[in-house]
């Protein structure tokens, strides 16, 4: 089953320095019809004004992946971690038993990010943070693993039953993905548009994928996309 979430269907908020679109319902945010896909329960498309951001605040028992679309985001936390993640790159925070962090746009231009939240495989654990660059040229014409809950590769580790991919596709270029049994996903173009099993998805729109053995993704026109694969049922 493919569930297309159009820009008009995705609820959001504007708070002066922040323009946010919420792909999933969480509390009073988002469209109530947009329910989680397995362990994936938040996907926010945030635009953060220059020299603004989220002040120090707490999280626990959540895996947070931040994909920077434009600009850069500066991270600081109460464990002493600090770093700048720039466009096309990724940071991951495992909140574990609890962590306080701030995310700020220190640039002179608007920063745009996808922030993705996943339920952890196990509650508790030592909080961790990490980031790394992912050159866009390496993602040309293929899905590249950015963060992984299964270990291995050069992806950032995430403590959830999920894999996070990125790809850059030229107009008309096609890739396919075959799901393991009991898995599904959620796909959002960061730029351009894609056609997935016949459904066109524009930049900023979302596609929830459940009970589909395989998806074929075609760029129309050039496209940059982020794709989360997660367990949706017991295998």
Protein backbone atom coordinates (compact mmCIF):
# COMPACT_ATOMS: atom_id res chain seq x y z
CA UNK A 1 0.00 0.00 0.00
CA UNK A 2 1.27 3.45 -0.94
CA UNK A 3 -0.03 6.48 0.95
CA UNK A 4 0.79 9.79 -0.74
CA UNK A 5 0.94 12.79 1.60
CA UNK A 6 0.67 15.98 -0.41
CA UNK A 7 2.01 19.36 0.67
CA UNK A 8 -1.53 20.56 1.32
CA UNK A 9 -2.25 17.53 3.55
CA UNK A 10 0.88 17.92 5.68
CA UNK A 11 0.10 20.22 8.61
CA UNK A 12 2.65 22.70 9.93
CA UNK A 13 3.36 25.65 12.15
CA UNK A 14 5.05 29.01 11.75
CA UNK A 15 6.74 30.55 14.79
CA UNK A 16 8.57 33.53 13.36
CA UNK A 17 12.05 32.02 13.19
CA UNK A 18 10.73 28.50 12.46
CA UNK A 19 8.60 27.22 9.60
CA UNK A 20 7.88 23.53 10.23
CA UNK A 21 5.91 20.90 8.33
CA UNK A 22 5.01 17.73 10.27
CA UNK A 23 4.72 14.57 8.17
CA UNK A 24 3.37 12.57 11.14
CA UNK A 25 0.82 13.31 13.84
CA UNK A 26 2.33 13.76 17.30
CA UNK A 27 0.26 15.29 20.08
CA UNK A 28 -1.33 18.47 18.76
CA UNK A 29 1.04 18.61 15.78
CA UNK A 30 0.53 17.20 12.31
CA UNK A 31 -2.43 15.71 10.48
CA UNK A 32 -4.21 13.10 12.68
CA UNK A 33 -4.58 10.88 9.61
CA UNK A 34 -0.81 10.61 9.24
CA UNK A 35 0.10 7.75 11.53
CA UNK A 36 3.55 6.23 12.15
CA UNK A 37 5.21 3.75 9.84
CA UNK A 38 6.57 1.12 12.19
CA UNK A 39 9.09 2.74 14.51
CA UNK A 40 9.17 5.97 12.47
CA UNK A 41 6.89 8.50 14.17
CA UNK A 42 8.30 11.97 13.43
CA UNK A 43 9.54 13.52 10.18
CA UNK A 44 9.71 17.29 10.41
CA UNK A 45 10.69 19.54 7.51
CA UNK A 46 12.08 22.59 9.33
CA UNK A 47 13.20 25.95 7.94
CA UNK A 48 15.22 27.84 10.58
CA UNK A 49 15.91 31.55 10.19
CA UNK A 50 19.51 32.85 10.35
CA UNK A 51 20.95 33.15 13.88
CA UNK A 52 17.98 31.35 15.46
CA UNK A 53 17.22 27.86 16.65
CA UNK A 54 16.08 25.47 19.34
CA UNK A 55 17.36 26.33 22.84
CA UNK A 56 18.64 23.71 25.26
CA UNK A 57 15.97 21.06 25.81
CA UNK A 58 15.75 17.42 26.89
CA UNK A 59 15.08 14.11 25.14
CA UNK A 60 15.07 10.49 26.31
CA UNK A 61 14.46 7.15 24.61
CA UNK A 62 14.40 8.41 21.04
CA UNK A 63 16.74 8.11 18.04
CA UNK A 64 16.97 11.45 16.22
CA UNK A 65 18.45 11.72 12.72
CA UNK A 66 18.99 15.17 11.19
CA UNK A 67 19.53 15.50 7.45
CA UNK A 68 20.63 19.01 6.46
CA UNK A 69 19.05 20.11 3.18
CA UNK A 70 20.42 23.66 3.01
CA UNK A 71 22.70 25.75 5.19
CA UNK A 72 24.12 24.24 8.38
CA UNK A 73 23.07 23.35 11.91
CA UNK A 74 25.21 23.69 15.04
CA UNK A 75 24.73 21.08 17.77
CA UNK A 76 25.68 21.44 21.46
CA UNK A 77 24.73 19.13 24.32
CA UNK A 78 25.28 18.64 28.04
CA UNK A 79 27.72 15.78 27.39
CA UNK A 80 30.18 18.21 25.81
CA UNK A 81 29.50 17.25 22.20
CA UNK A 82 29.59 20.09 19.70
CA UNK A 83 29.65 20.16 15.91
CA UNK A 84 28.39 21.73 12.70
CA UNK A 85 26.53 19.61 10.16
CA UNK A 86 26.32 21.09 6.66
CA UNK A 87 24.06 20.61 3.62
CA UNK A 88 23.87 17.00 2.49
CA UNK A 89 25.40 15.68 5.70
CA UNK A 90 23.83 13.85 8.64
CA UNK A 91 23.90 13.82 12.42
CA UNK A 92 22.45 11.18 14.74
CA UNK A 93 21.60 11.47 18.43
CA UNK A 94 20.67 8.49 20.60
CA UNK A 95 18.95 10.10 23.57
CA UNK A 96 19.10 6.97 25.75
CA UNK A 97 18.51 7.67 29.44
CA UNK A 98 18.44 11.41 28.75
CA UNK A 99 20.33 14.22 27.04
CA UNK A 100 19.91 17.97 26.81
CA UNK A 101 20.86 19.62 23.54
CA UNK A 102 20.48 22.78 21.48
CA UNK A 103 20.29 23.09 17.69
CA UNK A 104 21.06 26.50 16.22
CA UNK A 105 21.47 28.07 12.79
CA UNK A 106 24.60 30.21 13.16
CA UNK A 107 24.67 30.99 9.42
CA UNK A 108 23.60 34.13 7.56
CA UNK A 109 21.12 32.15 5.44
CA UNK A 110 18.09 30.01 6.22
CA UNK A 111 18.85 26.42 7.21
CA UNK A 112 16.51 23.65 6.08
CA UNK A 113 16.58 20.24 7.72
CA UNK A 114 14.69 16.98 7.87
CA UNK A 115 14.49 15.82 11.48
CA UNK A 116 13.50 12.17 11.81
CA UNK A 117 12.55 10.42 15.07
CA UNK A 118 12.54 6.65 15.59
CA UNK A 119 11.59 4.52 18.57
CA UNK A 120 14.74 2.84 19.95
CA UNK A 121 15.21 -0.91 19.83
CA UNK A 122 15.70 -0.84 23.61
CA UNK A 123 14.94 1.87 26.14
CA UNK A 124 17.72 3.40 28.20
CA UNK A 125 21.37 3.17 27.32
CA UNK A 126 24.18 5.72 27.23
CA UNK A 127 23.30 8.89 25.26
CA UNK A 128 25.43 9.43 22.16
CA UNK A 129 25.85 11.92 19.34
CA UNK A 130 27.71 11.72 16.05
CA UNK A 131 27.89 13.36 12.63
CA UNK A 132 29.69 12.80 9.36
CA UNK A 133 29.84 14.21 5.83
CA UNK A 134 28.23 12.35 2.94
CA UNK A 135 29.46 13.85 -0.36
CA UNK A 136 26.54 14.15 -2.73
CA UNK A 137 28.63 12.85 -5.63
CA UNK A 138 28.81 9.47 -3.86
CA UNK A 139 25.00 9.22 -3.99
CA UNK A 140 24.68 9.85 -7.70
CA UNK A 141 22.40 7.25 -9.23
CA UNK A 142 22.19 5.04 -6.16
CA UNK A 143 20.90 4.70 -2.62
CA UNK A 144 23.64 5.27 -0.03
CA UNK A 145 23.19 4.16 3.56
CA UNK A 146 23.46 7.24 5.82
CA UNK A 147 22.46 5.74 9.18
CA UNK A 148 21.93 2.12 10.11
CA UNK A 149 20.48 0.11 12.96
CA UNK A 150 22.13 -3.11 11.78
CA UNK A 151 25.75 -2.04 12.09
CA UNK A 152 28.57 -2.30 9.60
CA UNK A 153 29.32 -0.09 6.60
CA UNK A 154 30.32 3.56 6.95
CA UNK A 155 26.85 4.69 8.01
CA UNK A 156 26.21 6.40 11.30
CA UNK A 157 24.93 3.96 13.94
CA UNK A 158 21.33 4.30 15.13
CA UNK A 159 19.75 2.24 17.91
CA UNK A 160 16.55 1.41 16.04
CA UNK A 161 15.28 -1.22 13.61
CA UNK A 162 15.71 1.12 10.67
CA UNK A 163 17.98 2.15 7.81
CA UNK A 164 18.20 5.69 6.43
CA UNK A 165 19.22 6.16 2.80
CA UNK A 166 19.95 9.12 0.55
CA UNK A 167 20.15 9.32 -3.24
CA UNK A 168 20.67 11.79 -6.08
CA UNK A 169 18.99 10.88 -9.36
CA UNK A 170 19.21 12.56 -12.74
CA UNK A 171 16.01 13.13 -14.70
CA UNK A 172 14.66 9.78 -15.88
CA UNK A 173 17.14 7.79 -13.80
CA UNK A 174 15.60 4.80 -11.98
CA UNK A 175 16.50 2.76 -8.90
CA UNK A 176 14.64 -0.03 -7.12
CA UNK A 177 14.41 -1.26 -3.54
CA UNK A 178 13.14 -4.65 -2.36
CA UNK A 179 11.88 -4.83 1.23
CA UNK A 180 12.57 -7.63 3.66
CA UNK A 181 9.44 -9.31 4.95
CA UNK A 182 7.64 -7.20 7.55
CA UNK A 183 9.35 -3.94 6.54
CA UNK A 184 8.07 -0.73 4.98
CA UNK A 185 9.27 2.80 4.59
CA UNK A 186 8.78 6.50 4.14
CA UNK A 187 10.25 8.56 1.32
CA UNK A 188 10.55 12.35 0.90
CA UNK A 189 12.21 14.19 -1.99
CA UNK A 190 14.43 16.97 -0.65
CA UNK A 191 14.50 18.48 -4.15
CA UNK A 192 12.87 17.77 -7.50
CA UNK A 193 10.29 15.02 -7.79
CA UNK A 194 10.12 11.24 -8.10
CA UNK A 195 7.61 8.73 -9.40
CA UNK A 196 7.32 5.69 -7.12
CA UNK A 197 5.35 2.72 -8.50
CA UNK A 198 3.38 5.19 -10.59
CA UNK A 199 2.76 7.81 -7.87
CA UNK A 200 4.41 11.21 -8.33
CA UNK A 201 5.90 12.73 -5.17
CA UNK A 202 7.05 16.35 -5.25
CA UNK A 203 9.74 17.93 -3.07
CA UNK A 204 8.47 18.19 0.51
CA UNK A 205 5.71 15.64 0.00
CA UNK A 206 5.84 12.19 1.57
CA UNK A 207 5.10 8.62 0.60
CA UNK A 208 4.33 6.00 3.26
CA UNK A 209 5.05 2.47 2.01
CA UNK A 210 3.48 -0.57 3.65
CA UNK A 211 3.12 -4.16 2.41
CA UNK A 212 4.90 -3.46 -0.87
CA UNK A 213 7.51 -6.06 -1.87
CA UNK A 214 9.43 -3.68 -4.17
CA UNK A 215 9.40 -0.02 -5.13
CA UNK A 216 10.80 1.50 -8.30
CA UNK A 217 11.85 5.13 -7.96
CA UNK A 218 12.24 7.31 -11.07
CA UNK A 219 13.42 10.91 -10.99
CA UNK A 220 11.29 13.47 -12.82
CA UNK A 221 13.15 15.88 -13.06
CA UNK A 222 16.49 15.67 -11.20
CA UNK A 223 15.84 14.65 -7.59
CA UNK A 224 17.45 14.40 -4.17
CA UNK A 225 15.67 12.05 -1.78
CA UNK A 226 15.79 10.65 1.74
CA UNK A 227 14.30 7.21 2.36
CA UNK A 228 13.75 5.46 5.72
CA UNK A 229 13.19 1.71 5.84
CA UNK A 230 11.83 0.29 9.09
CA UNK A 231 10.21 -2.80 10.51
CA UNK A 232 6.42 -2.48 10.36
CA UNK A 233 5.42 -5.90 11.64
CA UNK A 234 6.86 -9.06 13.16
CA UNK A 235 8.66 -11.24 10.64
